[in-house]
């Protein structure tokens, strides 16, 4: 195998757009995961502890026929999942949706132009007859 050709092919592979985009997405995803975990750990978990009186439910269990069912850890994981999902939804999805909706707003209509009611072509607002379909325009 030719090492130079192999290096050239590897370089071509690395600099394709989707590989670089994927690498950037992974790095940003890891950093964002740290932020979301901090929000849950430092803000939402103490809030849950203030409401329910304890921060960790892992010691909760019950026994049936000498078998112990530890449901507290499952409860901790469910609360963590719901907290992370809520944090992502309210702090990322909702603001991004608002930002996208704001950027997609249509500009206000041009007051110097109106649509012909017959052919729906834009004509000057002062026109008394459409230049395309020759229909008279209301005053």
N, C-alpha and C. Protein backbone atom coordinates (compact mmCIF):
# COMPACT_ATOMS: atom_id res chain seq x y z
N UNK A 1 0.84 -1.19 0.00
CA UNK A 1 0.00 0.00 0.00
C UNK A 1 0.88 1.24 0.00
N UNK A 2 0.43 2.19 -0.73
CA UNK A 2 1.14 3.45 -0.81
C UNK A 2 0.68 4.34 0.36
N UNK A 3 1.63 4.72 1.22
CA UNK A 3 1.31 5.51 2.40
C UNK A 3 0.84 6.90 2.02
N UNK A 4 1.41 7.46 1.00
CA UNK A 4 1.02 8.80 0.56
C UNK A 4 -0.42 8.81 0.05
N UNK A 5 -0.78 7.80 -0.75
CA UNK A 5 -2.16 7.70 -1.24
C UNK A 5 -3.12 7.48 -0.09
N UNK A 6 -2.73 6.66 0.87
CA UNK A 6 -3.57 6.40 2.04
C UNK A 6 -3.77 7.69 2.84
N UNK A 7 -2.71 8.45 3.04
CA UNK A 7 -2.81 9.72 3.77
C UNK A 7 -3.69 10.71 3.01
N UNK A 8 -3.56 10.73 1.69
CA UNK A 8 -4.37 11.63 0.86
C UNK A 8 -5.85 11.25 0.95
N UNK A 9 -6.15 9.95 0.89
CA UNK A 9 -7.53 9.49 1.02
C UNK A 9 -8.10 9.81 2.40
N UNK A 10 -7.27 9.63 3.42
CA UNK A 10 -7.72 9.91 4.79
C UNK A 10 -8.01 11.41 4.95
N UNK A 11 -7.16 12.25 4.37
CA UNK A 11 -7.38 13.69 4.43
C UNK A 11 -8.67 14.07 3.70
N UNK A 12 -8.90 13.45 2.54
CA UNK A 12 -10.14 13.71 1.80
C UNK A 12 -11.36 13.29 2.61
N UNK A 13 -11.25 12.18 3.32
CA UNK A 13 -12.34 11.69 4.16
C UNK A 13 -12.60 12.68 5.30
N UNK A 14 -11.54 13.14 5.94
CA UNK A 14 -11.70 14.04 7.08
C UNK A 14 -12.30 15.38 6.70
N UNK A 15 -11.96 15.87 5.52
CA UNK A 15 -12.41 17.20 5.16
C UNK A 15 -13.70 17.21 4.35
N UNK A 16 -14.37 16.08 4.27
CA UNK A 16 -15.73 16.11 3.73
C UNK A 16 -16.60 16.85 4.73
N UNK A 17 -17.58 17.55 4.28
CA UNK A 17 -18.38 18.40 5.16
C UNK A 17 -19.06 17.67 6.29
N UNK A 18 -19.61 16.50 6.02
CA UNK A 18 -20.39 15.83 7.06
C UNK A 18 -19.53 15.28 8.19
N UNK A 19 -18.28 14.92 7.94
CA UNK A 19 -17.41 14.42 9.01
C UNK A 19 -17.06 15.54 9.97
N UNK A 20 -16.70 16.68 9.43
CA UNK A 20 -16.36 17.83 10.28
C UNK A 20 -17.59 18.30 11.05
N UNK A 21 -18.74 18.35 10.39
CA UNK A 21 -19.98 18.75 11.06
C UNK A 21 -20.31 17.80 12.20
N UNK A 22 -20.14 16.51 11.97
CA UNK A 22 -20.43 15.52 13.00
C UNK A 22 -19.47 15.68 14.18
N UNK A 23 -18.21 15.93 13.93
CA UNK A 23 -17.24 16.13 15.01
C UNK A 23 -17.60 17.35 15.84
N UNK A 24 -17.98 18.42 15.18
CA UNK A 24 -18.38 19.63 15.89
C UNK A 24 -19.64 19.37 16.71
N UNK A 25 -20.58 18.63 16.15
CA UNK A 25 -21.81 18.32 16.87
C UNK A 25 -21.53 17.49 18.12
N UNK A 26 -20.61 16.55 18.04
CA UNK A 26 -20.28 15.72 19.20
C UNK A 26 -19.65 16.58 20.29
N UNK A 27 -18.72 17.45 19.92
CA UNK A 27 -18.06 18.30 20.92
C UNK A 27 -19.07 19.24 21.57
N UNK A 28 -19.91 19.86 20.78
CA UNK A 28 -20.92 20.77 21.33
C UNK A 28 -21.94 19.99 22.17
N UNK A 29 -22.29 18.78 21.73
CA UNK A 29 -23.22 17.95 22.49
C UNK A 29 -22.68 17.59 23.86
N UNK A 30 -21.40 17.26 23.95
CA UNK A 30 -20.79 16.93 25.24
C UNK A 30 -20.80 18.17 26.15
N UNK A 31 -20.43 19.32 25.60
CA UNK A 31 -20.43 20.54 26.40
C UNK A 31 -21.85 20.91 26.83
N UNK A 32 -22.81 20.75 25.94
CA UNK A 32 -24.19 21.06 26.29
C UNK A 32 -24.72 20.09 27.33
N UNK A 33 -24.32 18.82 27.24
CA UNK A 33 -24.72 17.84 28.25
C UNK A 33 -24.24 18.23 29.63
N UNK A 34 -23.03 18.77 29.72
CA UNK A 34 -22.51 19.22 31.01
C UNK A 34 -23.34 20.38 31.56
N UNK A 35 -23.76 21.28 30.68
CA UNK A 35 -24.59 22.41 31.11
C UNK A 35 -25.95 21.92 31.61
N UNK A 36 -26.57 21.02 30.87
CA UNK A 36 -27.89 20.50 31.27
C UNK A 36 -27.78 19.74 32.59
N UNK A 37 -26.74 18.92 32.74
CA UNK A 37 -26.57 18.20 34.01
C UNK A 37 -26.36 19.16 35.17
N UNK A 38 -25.65 20.24 34.95
CA UNK A 38 -25.45 21.23 36.01
C UNK A 38 -26.76 21.91 36.38
N UNK A 39 -27.58 22.22 35.38
CA UNK A 39 -28.89 22.84 35.66
C UNK A 39 -29.74 21.89 36.49
N UNK A 40 -29.76 20.62 36.12
CA UNK A 40 -30.56 19.65 36.86
C UNK A 40 -30.00 19.45 38.27
N UNK A 41 -28.69 19.26 38.37
CA UNK A 41 -28.06 18.98 39.66
C UNK A 41 -28.13 20.19 40.60
N UNK A 42 -27.87 21.39 40.07
CA UNK A 42 -27.74 22.56 40.93
C UNK A 42 -29.02 23.37 41.12
N UNK A 43 -29.98 23.22 40.20
CA UNK A 43 -31.21 23.99 40.31
C UNK A 43 -32.45 23.13 40.54
N UNK A 44 -32.64 22.14 39.71
CA UNK A 44 -33.88 21.37 39.79
C UNK A 44 -33.89 20.35 40.93
N UNK A 45 -32.76 19.68 41.17
CA UNK A 45 -32.71 18.69 42.26
C UNK A 45 -32.94 19.33 43.63
N UNK A 46 -32.30 20.48 43.94
CA UNK A 46 -32.63 21.13 45.21
C UNK A 46 -34.09 21.58 45.29
N UNK A 47 -34.67 21.94 44.16
CA UNK A 47 -36.09 22.31 44.15
C UNK A 47 -36.96 21.11 44.50
N UNK A 48 -36.62 19.95 43.93
CA UNK A 48 -37.35 18.72 44.25
C UNK A 48 -37.15 18.36 45.72
N UNK A 49 -35.93 18.55 46.23
CA UNK A 49 -35.66 18.26 47.64
C UNK A 49 -36.47 19.18 48.55
N UNK A 50 -36.66 20.44 48.14
CA UNK A 50 -37.46 21.36 48.93
C UNK A 50 -38.93 20.97 48.94
N UNK A 51 -39.40 20.39 47.84
CA UNK A 51 -40.81 20.00 47.75
C UNK A 51 -41.07 18.69 48.49
N UNK A 52 -40.23 17.66 48.26
CA UNK A 52 -40.48 16.34 48.81
C UNK A 52 -39.74 16.05 50.11
N UNK A 53 -38.84 16.92 50.52
CA UNK A 53 -38.16 16.74 51.79
C UNK A 53 -36.87 15.95 51.72
N UNK A 54 -36.58 15.30 50.62
CA UNK A 54 -35.30 14.61 50.47
C UNK A 54 -34.85 14.67 49.03
N UNK A 55 -33.53 14.66 48.86
CA UNK A 55 -32.93 14.83 47.55
C UNK A 55 -32.68 13.50 46.84
N UNK A 56 -32.52 12.44 47.63
CA UNK A 56 -32.16 11.14 47.07
C UNK A 56 -33.19 10.10 47.52
N UNK A 57 -33.80 9.42 46.56
CA UNK A 57 -34.83 8.42 46.86
C UNK A 57 -34.30 6.99 46.74
N UNK A 58 -33.00 6.83 46.59
CA UNK A 58 -32.44 5.50 46.31
C UNK A 58 -32.63 4.51 47.46
N UNK A 59 -32.90 5.00 48.65
CA UNK A 59 -33.08 4.07 49.78
C UNK A 59 -34.51 3.56 49.90
N UNK A 60 -35.41 4.04 49.07
CA UNK A 60 -36.81 3.58 49.14
C UNK A 60 -36.94 2.16 48.60
N UNK A 61 -37.65 1.30 49.32
CA UNK A 61 -37.88 -0.07 48.88
C UNK A 61 -39.09 -0.65 49.60
N UNK A 62 -39.53 -1.79 49.13
CA UNK A 62 -40.57 -2.55 49.83
C UNK A 62 -40.26 -4.03 49.68
N UNK A 63 -40.85 -4.82 50.57
CA UNK A 63 -40.56 -6.26 50.60
C UNK A 63 -41.84 -7.04 50.45
N UNK A 64 -41.80 -8.05 49.58
CA UNK A 64 -42.90 -9.00 49.40
C UNK A 64 -42.30 -10.40 49.40
N UNK A 65 -42.77 -11.26 50.32
CA UNK A 65 -42.30 -12.64 50.41
C UNK A 65 -40.77 -12.72 50.45
N UNK A 66 -40.18 -11.96 51.33
CA UNK A 66 -38.73 -11.95 51.55
C UNK A 66 -37.94 -11.45 50.34
N UNK A 67 -38.58 -10.82 49.40
CA UNK A 67 -37.91 -10.23 48.25
C UNK A 67 -38.01 -8.71 48.38
N UNK A 68 -36.87 -8.05 48.24
CA UNK A 68 -36.81 -6.61 48.37
C UNK A 68 -36.83 -5.96 46.99
N UNK A 69 -37.74 -5.05 46.83
CA UNK A 69 -37.86 -4.29 45.58
C UNK A 69 -37.39 -2.86 45.85
N UNK A 70 -36.28 -2.51 45.24
CA UNK A 70 -35.70 -1.17 45.43
C UNK A 70 -36.18 -0.27 44.29
N UNK A 71 -37.22 0.44 44.53
CA UNK A 71 -37.79 1.30 43.50
C UNK A 71 -37.26 2.73 43.59
N UNK A 72 -36.53 3.05 44.62
CA UNK A 72 -36.02 4.41 44.81
C UNK A 72 -35.05 4.83 43.73
N UNK A 73 -34.16 3.92 43.31
CA UNK A 73 -33.20 4.26 42.26
C UNK A 73 -33.92 4.52 40.93
N UNK A 74 -34.93 3.69 40.64
CA UNK A 74 -35.74 3.93 39.45
C UNK A 74 -36.42 5.30 39.53
N UNK A 75 -36.94 5.64 40.69
CA UNK A 75 -37.59 6.93 40.88
C UNK A 75 -36.59 8.08 40.67
N UNK A 76 -35.36 7.92 41.19
CA UNK A 76 -34.31 8.93 40.95
C UNK A 76 -34.05 9.10 39.47
N UNK A 77 -33.93 8.00 38.74
CA UNK A 77 -33.64 8.08 37.30
C UNK A 77 -34.79 8.69 36.52
N UNK A 78 -36.03 8.38 36.90
CA UNK A 78 -37.19 8.97 36.23
C UNK A 78 -37.23 10.47 36.48
N UNK A 79 -36.99 10.88 37.72
CA UNK A 79 -36.99 12.31 38.04
C UNK A 79 -35.87 13.02 37.29
N UNK A 80 -34.70 12.40 37.21
CA UNK A 80 -33.58 13.00 36.48
C UNK A 80 -33.91 13.14 35.00
N UNK A 81 -34.50 12.09 34.41
CA UNK A 81 -34.87 12.14 32.99
C UNK A 81 -35.90 13.23 32.73
N UNK A 82 -36.93 13.31 33.54
CA UNK A 82 -37.97 14.32 33.35
C UNK A 82 -37.38 15.72 33.54
N UNK A 83 -36.49 15.86 34.51
CA UNK A 83 -35.87 17.16 34.76
C UNK A 83 -35.00 17.59 33.58
N UNK A 84 -34.22 16.65 33.05
CA UNK A 84 -33.37 16.97 31.90
C UNK A 84 -34.23 17.30 30.68
N UNK A 85 -35.28 16.52 30.45
CA UNK A 85 -36.16 16.79 29.32
C UNK A 85 -36.83 18.16 29.46
N UNK A 86 -37.27 18.50 30.68
CA UNK A 86 -37.89 19.80 30.91
C UNK A 86 -36.89 20.94 30.72
N UNK A 87 -35.67 20.74 31.22
CA UNK A 87 -34.64 21.77 31.06
C UNK A 87 -34.32 22.01 29.58
N UNK A 88 -34.17 20.94 28.83
CA UNK A 88 -33.90 21.07 27.39
C UNK A 88 -35.06 21.75 26.69
N UNK A 89 -36.29 21.35 27.03
CA UNK A 89 -37.46 21.91 26.37
C UNK A 89 -37.61 23.40 26.66
N UNK A 90 -37.53 23.78 27.95
CA UNK A 90 -37.80 25.16 28.31
C UNK A 90 -36.63 26.10 28.06
N UNK A 91 -35.39 25.59 28.13
CA UNK A 91 -34.24 26.48 27.98
C UNK A 91 -33.60 26.42 26.60
N UNK A 92 -33.98 25.42 25.77
CA UNK A 92 -33.38 25.33 24.44
C UNK A 92 -34.46 25.32 23.36
N UNK A 93 -35.40 24.39 23.43
CA UNK A 93 -36.38 24.21 22.35
C UNK A 93 -37.30 25.42 22.23
N UNK A 94 -37.87 25.85 23.34
CA UNK A 94 -38.79 26.99 23.28
C UNK A 94 -38.10 28.26 22.78
N UNK A 95 -36.92 28.64 23.33
CA UNK A 95 -36.26 29.84 22.79
C UNK A 95 -35.88 29.70 21.32
N UNK A 96 -35.43 28.52 20.90
CA UNK A 96 -35.08 28.33 19.49
C UNK A 96 -36.31 28.43 18.60
N UNK A 97 -37.44 27.87 19.03
CA UNK A 97 -38.67 27.98 18.25
C UNK A 97 -39.10 29.44 18.12
N UNK A 98 -38.98 30.20 19.22
CA UNK A 98 -39.34 31.62 19.17
C UNK A 98 -38.40 32.38 18.23
N UNK A 99 -37.12 32.05 18.27
CA UNK A 99 -36.15 32.71 17.41
C UNK A 99 -36.42 32.40 15.93
N UNK A 100 -36.72 31.15 15.63
CA UNK A 100 -37.01 30.76 14.25
C UNK A 100 -38.30 31.42 13.78
N UNK A 101 -39.32 31.46 14.64
CA UNK A 101 -40.59 32.09 14.26
C UNK A 101 -40.39 33.59 14.02
N UNK A 102 -39.55 34.22 14.82
CA UNK A 102 -39.29 35.64 14.66
C UNK A 102 -38.57 35.91 13.35
N UNK A 103 -37.66 35.02 12.97
CA UNK A 103 -36.91 35.25 11.74
C UNK A 103 -37.74 34.94 10.49
N UNK A 104 -38.81 34.18 10.63
CA UNK A 104 -39.65 33.83 9.48
C UNK A 104 -40.82 34.78 9.27
N UNK A 105 -40.93 35.80 10.08
CA UNK A 105 -42.03 36.75 9.89
C UNK A 105 -41.92 37.41 8.53
N UNK A 106 -43.06 37.60 7.92
CA UNK A 106 -43.08 38.27 6.62
C UNK A 106 -42.99 39.78 6.85
N UNK A 107 -42.31 40.45 5.96
CA UNK A 107 -42.24 41.91 6.10
C UNK A 107 -43.62 42.52 5.91
N UNK A 108 -43.83 43.71 6.46
CA UNK A 108 -45.16 44.34 6.27
C UNK A 108 -45.41 44.60 4.79
N UNK A 109 -46.68 44.58 4.38
CA UNK A 109 -46.98 44.79 2.96
C UNK A 109 -46.56 46.18 2.50
N UNK A 110 -46.15 46.24 1.26
CA UNK A 110 -45.71 47.51 0.66
C UNK A 110 -46.94 48.37 0.40
N UNK A 111 -47.01 49.58 0.99
CA UNK A 111 -48.21 50.41 0.80
C UNK A 111 -48.33 51.01 -0.60
N UNK A 112 -47.27 50.92 -1.40
CA UNK A 112 -47.34 51.49 -2.74
C UNK A 112 -47.85 50.49 -3.77
N UNK A 113 -48.12 49.23 -3.32
CA UNK A 113 -48.54 48.17 -4.23
C UNK A 113 -49.79 47.51 -3.66
N UNK A 114 -50.70 47.11 -4.56
CA UNK A 114 -51.88 46.33 -4.16
C UNK A 114 -52.06 45.18 -5.13
N UNK A 115 -52.88 44.19 -4.77
CA UNK A 115 -53.14 43.05 -5.65
C UNK A 115 -54.43 43.28 -6.41
N UNK A 116 -54.38 42.93 -7.67
CA UNK A 116 -55.59 43.01 -8.50
C UNK A 116 -56.54 41.92 -8.01
N UNK A 117 -57.81 42.25 -7.74
CA UNK A 117 -58.74 41.22 -7.26
C UNK A 117 -59.08 40.17 -8.31
N UNK A 118 -58.84 40.47 -9.59
CA UNK A 118 -59.17 39.52 -10.66
C UNK A 118 -58.02 38.55 -10.93
N UNK A 119 -56.81 39.07 -11.15
CA UNK A 119 -55.70 38.20 -11.56
C UNK A 119 -54.63 38.02 -10.46
N UNK A 120 -54.79 38.75 -9.34
CA UNK A 120 -53.89 38.65 -8.19
C UNK A 120 -52.45 39.06 -8.48
N UNK A 121 -52.25 39.90 -9.47
CA UNK A 121 -50.93 40.43 -9.79
C UNK A 121 -50.74 41.73 -9.02
N UNK A 122 -49.52 42.00 -8.57
CA UNK A 122 -49.22 43.24 -7.86
C UNK A 122 -49.19 44.40 -8.85
N UNK A 123 -49.97 45.42 -8.51
CA UNK A 123 -50.02 46.62 -9.36
C UNK A 123 -49.84 47.83 -8.46
N UNK A 124 -49.49 48.99 -9.02
CA UNK A 124 -49.35 50.20 -8.19
C UNK A 124 -50.67 50.54 -7.48
N UNK A 125 -50.57 51.06 -6.28
CA UNK A 125 -51.76 51.35 -5.48
C UNK A 125 -52.64 52.41 -6.12
N UNK A 126 -52.07 53.33 -6.89
CA UNK A 126 -52.85 54.39 -7.51
C UNK A 126 -53.51 53.97 -8.82
N UNK A 127 -53.23 52.80 -9.32
CA UNK A 127 -53.76 52.37 -10.62
C UNK A 127 -55.27 52.23 -10.56
N UNK A 128 -55.92 52.65 -11.67
CA UNK A 128 -57.37 52.51 -11.76
C UNK A 128 -57.78 51.33 -12.62
N UNK A 129 -56.81 50.74 -13.35
CA UNK A 129 -57.07 49.58 -14.19
C UNK A 129 -55.82 48.71 -14.16
N UNK A 130 -56.03 47.39 -14.10
CA UNK A 130 -54.92 46.44 -14.06
C UNK A 130 -54.27 46.39 -15.44
N UNK A 131 -52.94 46.49 -15.47
CA UNK A 131 -52.22 46.46 -16.74
C UNK A 131 -52.18 45.06 -17.34
N UNK A 132 -52.45 44.04 -16.56
CA UNK A 132 -52.35 42.66 -17.05
C UNK A 132 -53.68 42.11 -17.54
N UNK A 133 -54.74 42.33 -16.73
CA UNK A 133 -56.04 41.78 -17.13
C UNK A 133 -57.04 42.88 -17.52
N UNK A 134 -56.65 44.11 -17.40
CA UNK A 134 -57.41 45.32 -17.77
C UNK A 134 -58.72 45.47 -16.98
N UNK A 135 -58.84 44.80 -15.86
CA UNK A 135 -60.06 44.97 -15.06
C UNK A 135 -59.98 46.29 -14.30
N UNK A 136 -61.12 46.97 -14.16
CA UNK A 136 -61.14 48.23 -13.40
C UNK A 136 -60.88 47.94 -11.93
N UNK A 137 -60.14 48.86 -11.27
CA UNK A 137 -59.80 48.70 -9.86
C UNK A 137 -60.70 49.57 -9.01
N UNK A 138 -61.09 49.01 -7.85
CA UNK A 138 -61.92 49.84 -6.95
C UNK A 138 -61.10 51.01 -6.42
N UNK A 139 -61.78 52.10 -6.16
CA UNK A 139 -61.11 53.31 -5.70
C UNK A 139 -60.69 53.22 -4.26
